[in-house]
Amino acid sequence: MSLYVLDAIIWIIGIRGHIPQNEDYRAGPGNSSHASGTLRMMWVLAAFVAIVVILSLALWASVWLAIKLL
Protein backbone atom coordinates (compact mmCIF):
# COMPACT_ATOMS: atom_id res chain seq x y z
CA MET A 1 0.00 0.00 0.00
CA SER A 2 2.74 2.48 0.91
CA LEU A 3 4.51 1.86 -2.40
CA TYR A 4 1.38 2.93 -4.28
CA VAL A 5 1.09 6.06 -2.13
CA LEU A 6 4.73 6.96 -2.83
CA ASP A 7 4.19 6.32 -6.54
CA ALA A 8 1.12 8.60 -6.54
CA ILE A 9 3.01 11.37 -4.73
CA ILE A 10 5.89 11.16 -7.20
CA TRP A 11 3.39 11.29 -10.08
CA ILE A 12 1.55 14.32 -8.61
CA ILE A 13 4.77 16.24 -7.99
CA GLY A 14 5.83 15.56 -11.57
CA ILE A 15 9.26 14.01 -11.10
CA ARG A 16 8.36 10.58 -12.41
CA GLY A 17 9.81 10.84 -15.93
CA HIS A 18 12.98 12.76 -15.13
CA ILE A 19 15.29 9.77 -14.72
CA PRO A 20 16.48 8.72 -18.21
CA GLN A 21 16.65 5.01 -18.84
CA ASN A 22 18.00 2.88 -21.69
CA GLU A 23 20.24 5.61 -23.15
CA ASP A 24 17.25 7.97 -23.44
CA TYR A 25 19.12 11.26 -23.05
CA ARG A 26 17.69 14.21 -24.96
CA ALA A 27 20.07 16.88 -26.21
CA GLY A 28 17.42 19.60 -26.56
CA PRO A 29 15.41 21.51 -23.98
CA GLY A 30 12.64 19.82 -22.02
CA ASN A 31 8.95 19.95 -22.73
CA SER A 32 7.64 23.41 -21.75
CA SER A 33 4.01 22.25 -21.52
CA HIS A 34 5.01 19.91 -18.69
CA ALA A 35 6.58 22.82 -16.80
CA SER A 36 3.43 24.93 -17.14
CA GLY A 37 1.30 22.01 -15.99
CA THR A 38 3.50 21.59 -12.93
CA LEU A 39 3.28 25.31 -12.20
CA ARG A 40 -0.49 25.17 -12.45
CA MET A 41 -0.56 22.19 -10.08
CA MET A 42 1.52 24.17 -7.58
CA TRP A 43 -0.94 27.09 -7.78
CA VAL A 44 -3.85 24.72 -7.17
CA LEU A 45 -2.02 23.19 -4.21
CA ALA A 46 -1.24 26.65 -2.79
CA ALA A 47 -4.88 27.70 -3.15
CA PHE A 48 -6.04 24.52 -1.40
CA VAL A 49 -3.63 25.08 1.49
CA ALA A 50 -4.75 28.71 1.82
CA ILE A 51 -8.42 27.68 1.92
CA VAL A 52 -7.72 25.03 4.56
CA VAL A 53 -5.81 27.56 6.69
CA ILE A 54 -8.58 30.15 6.44
CA LEU A 55 -11.28 27.62 7.33
CA SER A 56 -9.21 26.33 10.25
CA LEU A 57 -8.73 29.85 11.59
CA ALA A 58 -12.44 30.59 11.23
CA LEU A 59 -13.31 27.42 13.13
CA TRP A 60 -10.77 28.22 15.84
CA ALA A 61 -12.12 31.78 16.19
CA SER A 62 -15.73 30.60 16.44
CA VAL A 63 -14.88 28.02 19.12
CA TRP A 64 -12.80 30.56 21.04
CA LEU A 65 -15.65 33.08 20.90
CA ALA A 66 -18.17 30.46 22.03
CA ILE A 67 -15.98 29.54 24.99
CA LYS A 68 -15.55 33.19 25.96
CA LEU A 69 -19.31 33.84 25.80
CA LEU A 70 -20.17 30.88 28.05
PDB file of N, CA and C in Angstrom:
ATOM      1  N   MET A   1       0.822  -1.198   0.000  1.00  0.00           N
ATOM      2  CA  MET A   1       0.000   0.000   0.000  1.00  0.00           C
ATOM      3  C   MET A   1       0.862   1.255   0.000  1.00  0.00           C
ATOM      4  N   SER A   2       1.915   1.283   0.816  1.00  0.00           N
ATOM      5  CA  SER A   2       2.736   2.483   0.910  1.00  0.00           C
ATOM      6  C   SER A   2       3.498   2.738  -0.391  1.00  0.00           C
ATOM      7  N   LEU A   3       3.831   1.688  -1.119  1.00  0.00           N
ATOM      8  CA  LEU A   3       4.511   1.865  -2.399  1.00  0.00           C
ATOM      9  C   LEU A   3       3.606   2.580  -3.395  1.00  0.00           C
ATOM     10  N   TYR A   4       2.323   2.268  -3.388  1.00  0.00           N
ATOM     11  CA  TYR A   4       1.385   2.932  -4.280  1.00  0.00           C
ATOM     12  C   TYR A   4       1.201   4.403  -3.890  1.00  0.00           C
ATOM     13  N   VAL A   5       1.213   4.679  -2.597  1.00  0.00           N
ATOM     14  CA  VAL A   5       1.092   6.064  -2.131  1.00  0.00           C
ATOM     15  C   VAL A   5       2.315   6.865  -2.567  1.00  0.00           C
ATOM     16  N   LEU A   6       3.507   6.291  -2.400  1.00  0.00           N
ATOM     17  CA  LEU A   6       4.730   6.960  -2.830  1.00  0.00           C
ATOM     18  C   LEU A   6       4.726   7.178  -4.339  1.00  0.00           C
ATOM     19  N   ASP A   7       4.278   6.195  -5.095  1.00  0.00           N
ATOM     20  CA  ASP A   7       4.194   6.323  -6.541  1.00  0.00           C
ATOM     21  C   ASP A   7       3.228   7.434  -6.936  1.00  0.00           C
ATOM     22  N   ALA A   8       2.089   7.543  -6.243  1.00  0.00           N
ATOM     23  CA  ALA A   8       1.119   8.601  -6.538  1.00  0.00           C
ATOM     24  C   ALA A   8       1.687   9.971  -6.210  1.00  0.00           C
ATOM     25  N   ILE A   9       2.410  10.085  -5.106  1.00  0.00           N
ATOM     26  CA  ILE A   9       3.012  11.373  -4.733  1.00  0.00           C
ATOM     27  C   ILE A   9       4.050  11.790  -5.761  1.00  0.00           C
ATOM     28  N   ILE A  10       4.882  10.850  -6.178  1.00  0.00           N
ATOM     29  CA  ILE A  10       5.889  11.159  -7.200  1.00  0.00           C
ATOM     30  C   ILE A  10       5.212  11.576  -8.499  1.00  0.00           C
ATOM     31  N   TRP A  11       4.105  10.934  -8.858  1.00  0.00           N
ATOM     32  CA  TRP A  11       3.393  11.291 -10.084  1.00  0.00           C
ATOM     33  C   TRP A  11       2.771  12.677  -9.969  1.00  0.00           C
ATOM     34  N   ILE A  12       2.181  13.009  -8.797  1.00  0.00           N
ATOM     35  CA  ILE A  12       1.552  14.315  -8.610  1.00  0.00           C
ATOM     36  C   ILE A  12       2.593  15.428  -8.657  1.00  0.00           C
ATOM     37  N   ILE A  13       3.725  15.218  -8.010  1.00  0.00           N
ATOM     38  CA  ILE A  13       4.775  16.242  -7.995  1.00  0.00           C
ATOM     39  C   ILE A  13       5.337  16.447  -9.396  1.00  0.00           C
ATOM     40  N   GLY A  14       5.382  15.415 -10.188  1.00  0.00           N
ATOM     41  CA  GLY A  14       5.828  15.560 -11.570  1.00  0.00           C
ATOM     42  C   GLY A  14       7.267  15.171 -11.796  1.00  0.00           C
ATOM     43  N   ILE A  15       7.864  14.390 -10.914  1.00  0.00           N
ATOM     44  CA  ILE A  15       9.262  14.014 -11.101  1.00  0.00           C
ATOM     45  C   ILE A  15       9.411  12.589 -11.608  1.00  0.00           C
ATOM     46  N   ARG A  16       8.326  11.994 -12.038  1.00  0.00           N
ATOM     47  CA  ARG A  16       8.359  10.584 -12.415  1.00  0.00           C
ATOM     48  C   ARG A  16       9.212  10.322 -13.655  1.00  0.00           C
ATOM     49  N   GLY A  17       9.113  11.135 -14.693  1.00  0.00           N
ATOM     50  CA  GLY A  17       9.811  10.844 -15.931  1.00  0.00           C
ATOM     51  C   GLY A  17      11.147  11.527 -16.089  1.00  0.00           C
ATOM     52  N   HIS A  18      11.753  12.000 -15.013  1.00  0.00           N
ATOM     53  CA  HIS A  18      12.981  12.762 -15.127  1.00  0.00           C
ATOM     54  C   HIS A  18      14.232  11.910 -15.084  1.00  0.00           C
ATOM     55  N   ILE A  19      14.121  10.640 -14.764  1.00  0.00           N
ATOM     56  CA  ILE A  19      15.290   9.772 -14.723  1.00  0.00           C
ATOM     57  C   ILE A  19      15.371   9.028 -16.051  1.00  0.00           C
ATOM     58  N   PRO A  20      16.369   9.383 -16.902  1.00  0.00           N
ATOM     59  CA  PRO A  20      16.478   8.724 -18.207  1.00  0.00           C
ATOM     60  C   PRO A  20      16.892   7.263 -18.040  1.00  0.00           C
ATOM     61  N   GLN A  21      16.309   6.418 -18.855  1.00  0.00           N
ATOM     62  CA  GLN A  21      16.650   5.005 -18.835  1.00  0.00           C
ATOM     63  C   GLN A  21      16.902   4.535 -20.260  1.00  0.00           C
ATOM     64  N   ASN A  22      17.714   3.506 -20.398  1.00  0.00           N
ATOM     65  CA  ASN A  22      18.003   2.877 -21.690  1.00  0.00           C
ATOM     66  C   ASN A  22      18.567   3.878 -22.693  1.00  0.00           C
ATOM     67  N   GLU A  23      19.563   4.638 -22.265  1.00  0.00           N
ATOM     68  CA  GLU A  23      20.238   5.610 -23.152  1.00  0.00           C
ATOM     69  C   GLU A  23      19.257   6.613 -23.737  1.00  0.00           C
ATOM     70  N   ASP A  24      18.291   7.071 -22.956  1.00  0.00           N
ATOM     71  CA  ASP A  24      17.246   7.966 -23.442  1.00  0.00           C
ATOM     72  C   ASP A  24      17.539   9.410 -23.047  1.00  0.00           C
ATOM     73  N   TYR A  25      18.734   9.878 -23.366  1.00  0.00           N
ATOM     74  CA  TYR A  25      19.117  11.257 -23.050  1.00  0.00           C
ATOM     75  C   TYR A  25      18.752  12.161 -24.226  1.00  0.00           C
ATOM     76  N   ARG A  26      18.047  13.257 -23.921  1.00  0.00           N
ATOM     77  CA  ARG A  26      17.687  14.213 -24.961  1.00  0.00           C
ATOM     78  C   ARG A  26      18.696  15.356 -24.953  1.00  0.00           C
ATOM     79  N   ALA A  27      19.107  15.789 -26.121  1.00  0.00           N
ATOM     80  CA  ALA A  27      20.068  16.884 -26.215  1.00  0.00           C
ATOM     81  C   ALA A  27      19.383  18.247 -26.134  1.00  0.00           C
ATOM     82  N   GLY A  28      18.123  18.329 -26.525  1.00  0.00           N
ATOM     83  CA  GLY A  28      17.415  19.596 -26.563  1.00  0.00           C
ATOM     84  C   GLY A  28      16.770  19.954 -25.241  1.00  0.00           C
ATOM     85  N   PRO A  29      16.087  21.107 -25.216  1.00  0.00           N
ATOM     86  CA  PRO A  29      15.411  21.513 -23.984  1.00  0.00           C
ATOM     87  C   PRO A  29      14.211  20.608 -23.688  1.00  0.00           C
ATOM     88  N   GLY A  30      13.760  20.660 -22.440  1.00  0.00           N
ATOM     89  CA  GLY A  30      12.641  19.822 -22.023  1.00  0.00           C
ATOM     90  C   GLY A  30      11.322  20.337 -22.566  1.00  0.00           C
ATOM     91  N   ASN A  31      10.292  19.614 -22.279  1.00  0.00           N
ATOM     92  CA  ASN A  31       8.946  19.953 -22.731  1.00  0.00           C
ATOM     93  C   ASN A  31       8.400  21.103 -21.886  1.00  0.00           C
ATOM     94  N   SER A  32       8.101  22.243 -22.501  1.00  0.00           N
ATOM     95  CA  SER A  32       7.642  23.409 -21.750  1.00  0.00           C
ATOM     96  C   SER A  32       6.193  23.259 -21.277  1.00  0.00           C
ATOM     97  N   SER A  33       5.392  22.435 -21.956  1.00  0.00           N
ATOM     98  CA  SER A  33       4.014  22.249 -21.518  1.00  0.00           C
ATOM     99  C   SER A  33       3.969  21.485 -20.200  1.00  0.00           C
ATOM    100  N   HIS A  34       4.939  20.636 -19.972  1.00  0.00           N
ATOM    101  CA  HIS A  34       5.013  19.910 -18.694  1.00  0.00           C
ATOM    102  C   HIS A  34       5.343  20.880 -17.566  1.00  0.00           C
ATOM    103  N   ALA A  35       6.213  21.837 -17.825  1.00  0.00           N
ATOM    104  CA  ALA A  35       6.576  22.817 -16.796  1.00  0.00           C
ATOM    105  C   ALA A  35       5.381  23.700 -16.445  1.00  0.00           C
ATOM    106  N   SER A  36       4.597  24.102 -17.431  1.00  0.00           N
ATOM    107  CA  SER A  36       3.431  24.933 -17.145  1.00  0.00           C
ATOM    108  C   SER A  36       2.363  24.140 -16.409  1.00  0.00           C
ATOM    109  N   GLY A  37       2.233  22.861 -16.712  1.00  0.00           N
ATOM    110  CA  GLY A  37       1.297  22.009 -15.991  1.00  0.00           C
ATOM    111  C   GLY A  37       1.698  21.839 -14.534  1.00  0.00           C
ATOM    112  N   THR A  38       3.001  21.707 -14.296  1.00  0.00           N
ATOM    113  CA  THR A  38       3.502  21.591 -12.931  1.00  0.00           C
ATOM    114  C   THR A  38       3.284  22.889 -12.177  1.00  0.00           C
ATOM    115  N   LEU A  39       3.503  24.011 -12.835  1.00  0.00           N
ATOM    116  CA  LEU A  39       3.280  25.306 -12.199  1.00  0.00           C
ATOM    117  C   LEU A  39       1.815  25.486 -11.843  1.00  0.00           C
ATOM    118  N   ARG A  40       0.940  25.072 -12.730  1.00  0.00           N
ATOM    119  CA  ARG A  40      -0.491  25.174 -12.450  1.00  0.00           C
ATOM    120  C   ARG A  40      -0.876  24.285 -11.264  1.00  0.00           C
ATOM    121  N   MET A  41      -0.287  23.094 -11.202  1.00  0.00           N
ATOM    122  CA  MET A  41      -0.557  22.193 -10.082  1.00  0.00           C
ATOM    123  C   MET A  41      -0.089  22.813  -8.768  1.00  0.00           C
ATOM    124  N   MET A  42       1.033  23.511  -8.787  1.00  0.00           N
ATOM    125  CA  MET A  42       1.524  24.166  -7.578  1.00  0.00           C
ATOM    126  C   MET A  42       0.585  25.296  -7.147  1.00  0.00           C
ATOM    127  N   TRP A  43       0.024  26.032  -8.109  1.00  0.00           N
ATOM    128  CA  TRP A  43      -0.941  27.091  -7.779  1.00  0.00           C
ATOM    129  C   TRP A  43      -2.206  26.493  -7.174  1.00  0.00           C
ATOM    130  N   VAL A  44      -2.659  25.382  -7.711  1.00  0.00           N
ATOM    131  CA  VAL A  44      -3.845  24.719  -7.169  1.00  0.00           C
ATOM    132  C   VAL A  44      -3.567  24.226  -5.754  1.00  0.00           C
ATOM    133  N   LEU A  45      -2.395  23.656  -5.541  1.00  0.00           N
ATOM    134  CA  LEU A  45      -2.024  23.190  -4.211  1.00  0.00           C
ATOM    135  C   LEU A  45      -1.923  24.351  -3.225  1.00  0.00           C
ATOM    136  N   ALA A  46      -1.346  25.471  -3.654  1.00  0.00           N
ATOM    137  CA  ALA A  46      -1.239  26.648  -2.787  1.00  0.00           C
ATOM    138  C   ALA A  46      -2.619  27.205  -2.445  1.00  0.00           C
ATOM    139  N   ALA A  47      -3.527  27.224  -3.411  1.00  0.00           N
ATOM    140  CA  ALA A  47      -4.883  27.703  -3.146  1.00  0.00           C
ATOM    141  C   ALA A  47      -5.602  26.778  -2.174  1.00  0.00           C
ATOM    142  N   PHE A  48      -5.417  25.485  -2.314  1.00  0.00           N
ATOM    143  CA  PHE A  48      -6.039  24.521  -1.404  1.00  0.00           C
ATOM    144  C   PHE A  48      -5.522  24.702   0.019  1.00  0.00           C
ATOM    145  N   VAL A  49      -4.223  24.872   0.159  1.00  0.00           N
ATOM    146  CA  VAL A  49      -3.628  25.079   1.485  1.00  0.00           C
ATOM    147  C   VAL A  49      -4.147  26.376   2.096  1.00  0.00           C
ATOM    148  N   ALA A  50      -4.248  27.438   1.306  1.00  0.00           N
ATOM    149  CA  ALA A  50      -4.750  28.714   1.816  1.00  0.00           C
ATOM    150  C   ALA A  50      -6.198  28.581   2.283  1.00  0.00           C
ATOM    151  N   ILE A  51      -7.015  27.873   1.535  1.00  0.00           N
ATOM    152  CA  ILE A  51      -8.423  27.680   1.923  1.00  0.00           C
ATOM    153  C   ILE A  51      -8.519  26.883   3.217  1.00  0.00           C
ATOM    154  N   VAL A  52      -7.710  25.834   3.339  1.00  0.00           N
ATOM    155  CA  VAL A  52      -7.722  25.031   4.560  1.00  0.00           C
ATOM    156  C   VAL A  52      -7.284  25.865   5.762  1.00  0.00           C
ATOM    157  N   VAL A  53      -6.274  26.699   5.589  1.00  0.00           N
ATOM    158  CA  VAL A  53      -5.807  27.557   6.687  1.00  0.00           C
ATOM    159  C   VAL A  53      -6.885  28.556   7.090  1.00  0.00           C
ATOM    160  N   ILE A  54      -7.537  29.169   6.128  1.00  0.00           N
ATOM    161  CA  ILE A  54      -8.584  30.154   6.437  1.00  0.00           C
ATOM    162  C   ILE A  54      -9.761  29.486   7.147  1.00  0.00           C
ATOM    163  N   LEU A  55     -10.175  28.321   6.675  1.00  0.00           N
ATOM    164  CA  LEU A  55     -11.282  27.618   7.328  1.00  0.00           C
ATOM    165  C   LEU A  55     -10.898  27.158   8.739  1.00  0.00           C
ATOM    166  N   SER A  56      -9.670  26.737   8.920  1.00  0.00           N
ATOM    167  CA  SER A  56      -9.214  26.333  10.251  1.00  0.00           C
ATOM    168  C   SER A  56      -9.201  27.516  11.208  1.00  0.00           C
ATOM    169  N   LEU A  57      -8.736  28.654  10.742  1.00  0.00           N
ATOM    170  CA  LEU A  57      -8.729  29.853  11.593  1.00  0.00           C
ATOM    171  C   LEU A  57     -10.146  30.311  11.919  1.00  0.00           C
ATOM    172  N   ALA A  58     -11.042  30.208  10.966  1.00  0.00           N
ATOM    173  CA  ALA A  58     -12.436  30.589  11.231  1.00  0.00           C
ATOM    174  C   ALA A  58     -13.064  29.654  12.261  1.00  0.00           C
ATOM    175  N   LEU A  59     -12.789  28.370  12.150  1.00  0.00           N
ATOM    176  CA  LEU A  59     -13.310  27.415  13.129  1.00  0.00           C
ATOM    177  C   LEU A  59     -12.715  27.680  14.509  1.00  0.00           C
ATOM    178  N   TRP A  60     -11.419  27.919  14.568  1.00  0.00           N
ATOM    179  CA  TRP A  60     -10.771  28.223  15.841  1.00  0.00           C
ATOM    180  C   TRP A  60     -11.363  29.485  16.467  1.00  0.00           C
ATOM    181  N   ALA A  61     -11.569  30.526  15.668  1.00  0.00           N
ATOM    182  CA  ALA A  61     -12.124  31.783  16.191  1.00  0.00           C
ATOM    183  C   ALA A  61     -13.551  31.592  16.696  1.00  0.00           C
ATOM    184  N   SER A  62     -14.349  30.810  15.989  1.00  0.00           N
ATOM    185  CA  SER A  62     -15.727  30.604  16.442  1.00  0.00           C
ATOM    186  C   SER A  62     -15.775  29.793  17.733  1.00  0.00           C
ATOM    187  N   VAL A  63     -14.925  28.787  17.874  1.00  0.00           N
ATOM    188  CA  VAL A  63     -14.880  28.016  19.118  1.00  0.00           C
ATOM    189  C   VAL A  63     -14.365  28.884  20.257  1.00  0.00           C
ATOM    190  N   TRP A  64     -13.342  29.665  20.012  1.00  0.00           N
ATOM    191  CA  TRP A  64     -12.799  30.563  21.037  1.00  0.00           C
ATOM    192  C   TRP A  64     -13.848  31.564  21.504  1.00  0.00           C
ATOM    193  N   LEU A  65     -14.590  32.119  20.553  1.00  0.00           N
ATOM    194  CA  LEU A  65     -15.647  33.082  20.897  1.00  0.00           C
ATOM    195  C   LEU A  65     -16.767  32.394  21.694  1.00  0.00           C
ATOM    196  N   ALA A  66     -17.133  31.191  21.303  1.00  0.00           N
ATOM    197  CA  ALA A  66     -18.173  30.459  22.031  1.00  0.00           C
ATOM    198  C   ALA A  66     -17.741  30.151  23.463  1.00  0.00           C
ATOM    199  N   ILE A  67     -16.484  29.803  23.645  1.00  0.00           N
ATOM    200  CA  ILE A  67     -15.984  29.539  24.995  1.00  0.00           C
ATOM    201  C   ILE A  67     -15.976  30.817  25.828  1.00  0.00           C
ATOM    202  N   LYS A  68     -15.593  31.921  25.245  1.00  0.00           N
ATOM    203  CA  LYS A  68     -15.553  33.192  25.958  1.00  0.00           C
ATOM    204  C   LYS A  68     -16.957  33.675  26.346  1.00  0.00           C
ATOM    205  N   LEU A  69     -17.950  33.379  25.522  1.00  0.00           N
ATOM    206  CA  LEU A  69     -19.313  33.842  25.804  1.00  0.00           C
ATOM    207  C   LEU A  69     -20.022  32.963  26.817  1.00  0.00           C
ATOM    208  N   LEU A  70     -19.533  31.771  27.072  1.00  0.00           N
ATOM    209  CA  LEU A  70     -20.168  30.880  28.053  1.00  0.00           C
ATOM    210  C   LEU A  70     -19.750  31.249  29.403  1.00  0.00           C
TER     211      LEU A  70
END
